[in-house]
N, C-alpha and C. Protein backbone atom coordinates (compact mmCIF):
# COMPACT_ATOMS: atom_id res chain seq x y z
N GLN A 1 0.83 -1.20 0.00
CA GLN A 1 0.00 0.00 0.00
C GLN A 1 0.87 1.25 0.00
N VAL A 2 0.35 2.27 -0.65
CA VAL A 2 1.01 3.57 -0.70
C VAL A 2 0.01 4.62 -0.24
N GLN A 3 0.43 5.45 0.66
CA GLN A 3 -0.40 6.57 1.10
C GLN A 3 0.15 7.85 0.50
N LEU A 4 -0.75 8.67 -0.03
CA LEU A 4 -0.37 9.90 -0.71
C LEU A 4 -1.12 11.08 -0.09
N VAL A 5 -0.40 12.14 0.19
CA VAL A 5 -1.02 13.33 0.76
C VAL A 5 -0.58 14.55 -0.06
N GLU A 6 -1.57 15.19 -0.70
CA GLU A 6 -1.30 16.37 -1.49
C GLU A 6 -1.46 17.63 -0.64
N SER A 7 -0.76 18.68 -1.04
CA SER A 7 -0.90 19.98 -0.40
C SER A 7 -0.49 21.06 -1.39
N GLY A 8 -0.77 22.30 -1.03
CA GLY A 8 -0.33 23.42 -1.85
C GLY A 8 -1.39 24.08 -2.69
N GLY A 9 -2.59 23.51 -2.71
CA GLY A 9 -3.66 24.13 -3.48
C GLY A 9 -4.15 25.41 -2.83
N GLY A 10 -5.01 26.12 -3.55
CA GLY A 10 -5.56 27.36 -3.02
C GLY A 10 -6.18 28.21 -4.09
N LEU A 11 -6.43 29.45 -3.74
CA LEU A 11 -7.02 30.42 -4.66
C LEU A 11 -5.93 31.35 -5.17
N VAL A 12 -5.87 31.51 -6.48
CA VAL A 12 -4.86 32.36 -7.09
C VAL A 12 -5.48 33.11 -8.25
N GLN A 13 -4.96 34.29 -8.52
CA GLN A 13 -5.45 35.03 -9.68
C GLN A 13 -4.84 34.51 -10.96
N ALA A 14 -5.53 34.72 -12.04
CA ALA A 14 -5.02 34.32 -13.35
C ALA A 14 -3.65 34.95 -13.58
N GLY A 15 -2.73 34.15 -14.11
CA GLY A 15 -1.36 34.60 -14.31
C GLY A 15 -0.44 34.26 -13.17
N GLY A 16 -1.00 33.83 -12.05
CA GLY A 16 -0.20 33.50 -10.89
C GLY A 16 0.37 32.10 -10.94
N SER A 17 1.03 31.73 -9.85
CA SER A 17 1.69 30.43 -9.76
C SER A 17 1.34 29.73 -8.46
N LEU A 18 1.38 28.41 -8.53
CA LEU A 18 1.26 27.57 -7.34
C LEU A 18 2.19 26.39 -7.49
N ARG A 19 2.63 25.86 -6.37
CA ARG A 19 3.39 24.62 -6.38
C ARG A 19 2.68 23.61 -5.48
N LEU A 20 2.26 22.53 -6.10
CA LEU A 20 1.63 21.44 -5.36
C LEU A 20 2.69 20.44 -4.93
N SER A 21 2.45 19.83 -3.78
CA SER A 21 3.33 18.79 -3.27
C SER A 21 2.53 17.53 -2.99
N CYS A 22 3.19 16.40 -3.11
CA CYS A 22 2.57 15.11 -2.79
C CYS A 22 3.62 14.26 -2.08
N VAL A 23 3.33 13.93 -0.84
CA VAL A 23 4.24 13.10 -0.06
C VAL A 23 3.72 11.67 -0.04
N ALA A 24 4.60 10.73 -0.33
CA ALA A 24 4.22 9.32 -0.37
C ALA A 24 4.84 8.57 0.80
N SER A 25 4.12 7.57 1.28
CA SER A 25 4.64 6.71 2.35
C SER A 25 4.10 5.31 2.14
N GLY A 26 4.77 4.34 2.74
CA GLY A 26 4.29 2.97 2.73
C GLY A 26 5.00 2.03 1.79
N ARG A 27 5.79 2.56 0.87
CA ARG A 27 6.50 1.72 -0.09
C ARG A 27 7.72 2.49 -0.56
N ALA A 28 8.73 1.78 -1.02
CA ALA A 28 9.94 2.44 -1.49
C ALA A 28 9.61 3.46 -2.58
N PHE A 29 9.70 4.73 -2.21
CA PHE A 29 9.28 5.80 -3.12
C PHE A 29 10.06 5.78 -4.42
N SER A 30 11.33 5.46 -4.34
CA SER A 30 12.18 5.56 -5.51
C SER A 30 11.81 4.55 -6.59
N THR A 31 10.98 3.58 -6.28
CA THR A 31 10.58 2.59 -7.27
C THR A 31 9.26 2.94 -7.94
N LEU A 32 8.60 3.97 -7.48
CA LEU A 32 7.25 4.28 -7.94
C LEU A 32 7.23 5.20 -9.15
N VAL A 33 6.29 4.94 -10.04
CA VAL A 33 5.90 5.92 -11.04
C VAL A 33 4.89 6.84 -10.38
N MET A 34 5.09 8.13 -10.51
CA MET A 34 4.23 9.12 -9.88
C MET A 34 3.56 9.98 -10.94
N GLY A 35 2.36 10.42 -10.64
CA GLY A 35 1.65 11.25 -11.62
C GLY A 35 0.74 12.27 -10.96
N TRP A 36 0.39 13.27 -11.75
CA TRP A 36 -0.60 14.26 -11.35
C TRP A 36 -1.76 14.23 -12.34
N PHE A 37 -2.94 14.31 -11.80
CA PHE A 37 -4.16 14.38 -12.58
C PHE A 37 -5.01 15.52 -12.04
N ARG A 38 -6.00 15.92 -12.79
CA ARG A 38 -6.93 16.93 -12.29
C ARG A 38 -8.34 16.62 -12.77
N GLN A 39 -9.31 17.09 -11.99
CA GLN A 39 -10.70 16.89 -12.35
C GLN A 39 -11.47 18.17 -12.07
N ALA A 40 -11.98 18.75 -13.12
CA ALA A 40 -12.79 19.95 -13.01
C ALA A 40 -14.25 19.56 -12.81
N PRO A 41 -15.07 20.45 -12.26
CA PRO A 41 -16.48 20.13 -12.04
C PRO A 41 -17.17 19.70 -13.33
N GLY A 42 -17.83 18.55 -13.28
CA GLY A 42 -18.57 18.07 -14.42
C GLY A 42 -17.74 17.43 -15.50
N LYS A 43 -16.44 17.27 -15.26
CA LYS A 43 -15.55 16.68 -16.26
C LYS A 43 -14.88 15.44 -15.72
N GLU A 44 -14.33 14.65 -16.64
CA GLU A 44 -13.60 13.45 -16.23
C GLU A 44 -12.20 13.83 -15.74
N ARG A 45 -11.63 12.91 -14.97
CA ARG A 45 -10.26 13.13 -14.51
C ARG A 45 -9.31 13.18 -15.71
N GLU A 46 -8.41 14.13 -15.68
CA GLU A 46 -7.54 14.40 -16.81
C GLU A 46 -6.06 14.23 -16.40
N PHE A 47 -5.29 13.57 -17.24
CA PHE A 47 -3.86 13.39 -16.99
C PHE A 47 -3.15 14.73 -17.14
N VAL A 48 -2.24 15.01 -16.19
CA VAL A 48 -1.46 16.25 -16.24
C VAL A 48 0.01 15.95 -16.52
N ALA A 49 0.62 15.09 -15.71
CA ALA A 49 2.04 14.79 -15.89
C ALA A 49 2.39 13.53 -15.11
N ALA A 50 3.49 12.89 -15.50
CA ALA A 50 3.98 11.72 -14.79
C ALA A 50 5.49 11.66 -14.89
N ILE A 51 6.08 10.99 -13.89
CA ILE A 51 7.53 10.86 -13.86
C ILE A 51 7.89 9.52 -13.24
N SER A 52 8.90 8.89 -13.80
CA SER A 52 9.36 7.62 -13.25
C SER A 52 10.49 7.84 -12.25
N TRP A 53 10.94 6.74 -11.68
CA TRP A 53 12.00 6.85 -10.68
C TRP A 53 13.32 7.30 -11.30
N ASN A 54 13.52 7.02 -12.58
CA ASN A 54 14.81 7.35 -13.19
C ASN A 54 14.70 8.47 -14.22
N GLY A 55 13.60 9.24 -14.17
CA GLY A 55 13.55 10.44 -14.98
C GLY A 55 12.70 10.41 -16.22
N ASP A 56 12.12 9.27 -16.58
CA ASP A 56 11.13 9.30 -17.68
C ASP A 56 10.05 10.31 -17.31
N TYR A 57 9.65 11.10 -18.29
CA TYR A 57 8.75 12.21 -17.96
C TYR A 57 7.87 12.51 -19.15
N THR A 58 6.62 12.81 -18.87
CA THR A 58 5.72 13.28 -19.90
C THR A 58 4.68 14.17 -19.26
N ALA A 59 4.18 15.11 -20.02
CA ALA A 59 3.20 16.06 -19.49
C ALA A 59 2.24 16.45 -20.59
N SER A 60 1.01 16.72 -20.21
CA SER A 60 0.01 17.17 -21.17
C SER A 60 -0.07 18.69 -21.22
N VAL A 61 0.24 19.33 -20.11
CA VAL A 61 0.22 20.79 -20.05
C VAL A 61 1.66 21.26 -20.18
N LYS A 62 2.06 21.49 -21.40
CA LYS A 62 3.47 21.79 -21.66
C LYS A 62 3.71 23.29 -21.60
N GLY A 63 4.86 23.63 -21.08
CA GLY A 63 5.25 25.04 -21.07
C GLY A 63 4.85 25.78 -19.81
N ARG A 64 3.76 25.37 -19.18
CA ARG A 64 3.30 26.08 -17.97
C ARG A 64 3.44 25.24 -16.71
N PHE A 65 3.27 23.92 -16.85
CA PHE A 65 3.34 23.02 -15.69
C PHE A 65 4.59 22.16 -15.79
N THR A 66 5.25 21.95 -14.67
CA THR A 66 6.43 21.08 -14.61
C THR A 66 6.34 20.20 -13.37
N MET A 67 6.51 18.92 -13.60
CA MET A 67 6.52 17.97 -12.49
C MET A 67 7.96 17.59 -12.17
N SER A 68 8.23 17.40 -10.89
CA SER A 68 9.56 16.96 -10.47
C SER A 68 9.42 16.06 -9.25
N ARG A 69 10.49 15.38 -8.89
CA ARG A 69 10.46 14.50 -7.74
C ARG A 69 11.74 14.64 -6.95
N ASP A 70 11.62 14.44 -5.65
CA ASP A 70 12.75 14.43 -4.74
C ASP A 70 12.69 13.10 -4.00
N ASN A 71 13.49 12.15 -4.44
CA ASN A 71 13.45 10.82 -3.84
C ASN A 71 13.90 10.85 -2.37
N GLY A 72 14.73 11.79 -2.01
CA GLY A 72 15.17 11.88 -0.62
C GLY A 72 14.07 12.33 0.32
N LYS A 73 13.05 13.02 -0.22
CA LYS A 73 11.95 13.51 0.59
C LYS A 73 10.64 12.77 0.31
N ASN A 74 10.70 11.74 -0.53
CA ASN A 74 9.50 10.98 -0.89
C ASN A 74 8.39 11.90 -1.40
N THR A 75 8.77 12.85 -2.19
CA THR A 75 7.84 13.91 -2.59
C THR A 75 7.93 14.19 -4.08
N VAL A 76 6.78 14.42 -4.68
CA VAL A 76 6.73 14.96 -6.03
C VAL A 76 6.07 16.34 -5.98
N TYR A 77 6.41 17.13 -6.96
CA TYR A 77 5.91 18.49 -7.02
C TYR A 77 5.27 18.74 -8.39
N LEU A 78 4.35 19.69 -8.40
CA LEU A 78 3.82 20.18 -9.66
C LEU A 78 3.89 21.70 -9.60
N GLN A 79 4.83 22.25 -10.35
CA GLN A 79 4.97 23.69 -10.44
C GLN A 79 4.05 24.19 -11.54
N MET A 80 3.13 25.07 -11.19
CA MET A 80 2.14 25.58 -12.15
C MET A 80 2.31 27.08 -12.28
N ASN A 81 2.64 27.50 -13.48
CA ASN A 81 2.84 28.92 -13.77
C ASN A 81 1.81 29.42 -14.77
N SER A 82 1.67 30.73 -14.83
CA SER A 82 0.73 31.36 -15.78
C SER A 82 -0.63 30.69 -15.72
N LEU A 83 -1.14 30.54 -14.54
CA LEU A 83 -2.40 29.82 -14.34
C LEU A 83 -3.57 30.55 -15.00
N LYS A 84 -4.50 29.74 -15.49
CA LYS A 84 -5.67 30.23 -16.19
C LYS A 84 -6.92 29.75 -15.44
N PRO A 85 -8.05 30.46 -15.60
CA PRO A 85 -9.28 29.99 -14.95
C PRO A 85 -9.63 28.55 -15.31
N GLU A 86 -9.32 28.13 -16.51
CA GLU A 86 -9.63 26.76 -16.92
C GLU A 86 -8.74 25.71 -16.24
N ASP A 87 -7.74 26.15 -15.50
CA ASP A 87 -6.94 25.22 -14.70
C ASP A 87 -7.61 24.88 -13.37
N THR A 88 -8.71 25.56 -13.08
CA THR A 88 -9.45 25.29 -11.84
C THR A 88 -9.92 23.84 -11.81
N ALA A 89 -9.55 23.13 -10.75
CA ALA A 89 -9.87 21.71 -10.63
C ALA A 89 -9.36 21.20 -9.28
N VAL A 90 -9.78 19.99 -8.97
CA VAL A 90 -9.12 19.26 -7.88
C VAL A 90 -7.96 18.50 -8.50
N TYR A 91 -6.79 18.66 -7.91
CA TYR A 91 -5.58 18.01 -8.42
C TYR A 91 -5.24 16.81 -7.54
N TYR A 92 -5.05 15.69 -8.20
CA TYR A 92 -4.78 14.43 -7.52
C TYR A 92 -3.39 13.91 -7.85
N CYS A 93 -2.78 13.33 -6.85
CA CYS A 93 -1.50 12.65 -7.01
C CYS A 93 -1.76 11.15 -7.11
N GLY A 94 -1.06 10.49 -8.02
CA GLY A 94 -1.19 9.06 -8.18
C GLY A 94 0.16 8.38 -8.10
N ALA A 95 0.14 7.09 -7.74
CA ALA A 95 1.38 6.31 -7.65
C ALA A 95 1.12 4.89 -8.12
N ASP A 96 2.16 4.29 -8.70
CA ASP A 96 2.03 2.91 -9.14
C ASP A 96 3.40 2.25 -9.11
N GLN A 97 3.41 0.97 -8.76
CA GLN A 97 4.68 0.28 -8.62
C GLN A 97 5.08 -0.48 -9.88
N ARG A 98 4.23 -0.48 -10.89
CA ARG A 98 4.57 -1.18 -12.13
C ARG A 98 5.57 -0.37 -12.94
N PRO A 99 6.21 -0.98 -13.91
CA PRO A 99 7.17 -0.24 -14.73
C PRO A 99 6.53 0.89 -15.53
N TRP A 100 7.32 1.87 -15.83
CA TRP A 100 6.87 3.03 -16.60
C TRP A 100 6.19 2.61 -17.90
N ALA A 101 6.78 1.67 -18.60
CA ALA A 101 6.25 1.26 -19.91
C ALA A 101 4.86 0.65 -19.79
N VAL A 102 4.54 0.10 -18.65
CA VAL A 102 3.21 -0.48 -18.42
C VAL A 102 2.23 0.61 -17.99
N VAL A 103 2.64 1.42 -17.05
CA VAL A 103 1.74 2.43 -16.50
C VAL A 103 1.32 3.44 -17.56
N ARG A 104 2.25 3.80 -18.44
CA ARG A 104 1.97 4.85 -19.41
C ARG A 104 0.94 4.43 -20.46
N ASP A 105 0.67 3.13 -20.58
CA ASP A 105 -0.32 2.68 -21.56
C ASP A 105 -1.71 3.24 -21.27
N ALA A 106 -2.05 3.34 -19.98
CA ALA A 106 -3.40 3.79 -19.62
C ALA A 106 -3.41 4.78 -18.47
N TRP A 107 -2.28 5.04 -17.85
CA TRP A 107 -2.18 5.92 -16.69
C TRP A 107 -3.21 5.52 -15.62
N ASP A 108 -3.39 4.22 -15.44
CA ASP A 108 -4.33 3.72 -14.44
C ASP A 108 -3.58 3.43 -13.15
N PHE A 109 -3.29 4.51 -12.42
CA PHE A 109 -2.51 4.39 -11.20
C PHE A 109 -3.25 3.57 -10.14
N ALA A 110 -2.48 2.84 -9.36
CA ALA A 110 -3.08 1.98 -8.34
C ALA A 110 -3.46 2.73 -7.08
N PHE A 111 -2.74 3.79 -6.77
CA PHE A 111 -2.94 4.51 -5.52
C PHE A 111 -3.17 5.99 -5.82
N TRP A 112 -4.06 6.57 -4.99
CA TRP A 112 -4.45 7.97 -5.19
C TRP A 112 -4.50 8.72 -3.88
N GLY A 113 -4.18 10.00 -3.94
CA GLY A 113 -4.39 10.86 -2.80
C GLY A 113 -5.80 11.39 -2.77
N GLN A 114 -6.08 12.22 -1.77
CA GLN A 114 -7.41 12.77 -1.58
C GLN A 114 -7.67 14.00 -2.46
N GLY A 115 -6.64 14.59 -2.97
CA GLY A 115 -6.80 15.74 -3.85
C GLY A 115 -6.63 17.06 -3.12
N THR A 116 -6.26 18.07 -3.89
CA THR A 116 -6.15 19.43 -3.37
C THR A 116 -6.79 20.38 -4.38
N GLN A 117 -7.60 21.29 -3.88
CA GLN A 117 -8.35 22.19 -4.75
C GLN A 117 -7.49 23.35 -5.22
N VAL A 118 -7.53 23.59 -6.52
CA VAL A 118 -6.88 24.76 -7.12
C VAL A 118 -7.97 25.58 -7.80
N THR A 119 -8.09 26.83 -7.40
CA THR A 119 -9.07 27.73 -7.99
C THR A 119 -8.35 28.95 -8.53
N VAL A 120 -8.56 29.21 -9.82
CA VAL A 120 -7.93 30.34 -10.48
C VAL A 120 -9.02 31.35 -10.85
N SER A 121 -8.92 32.53 -10.30
CA SER A 121 -9.92 33.56 -10.56
C SER A 121 -9.47 34.44 -11.74
N SER A 122 -10.45 34.93 -12.46
CA SER A 122 -10.14 35.76 -13.63
C SER A 122 -10.05 37.24 -13.28
């Protein structure tokens, strides 16, 4: 089992920045594929970014969002810049112990955090 706790959400004006954090516990963090997703009201959960233990990385929101990980702190981050009202959503952290090549096929992470709300005002 992996426990995930997100933090860093809040209310920000359009054009502002936020950095989300996700701390993992319960399993060797350095072996996990980690990801960020978001879900806006009335919409399905959407993939944002993912990173493997050795640096494989992909993101759907390019240029504004950057995901990183600190294996020494069991933490992943999502740096969000130039935020837009359409970025408003609950942001979820996900984790999976399967290899990157398997997880990336469907981004069906095994473990999820409770989410953190990000609201961007216009």
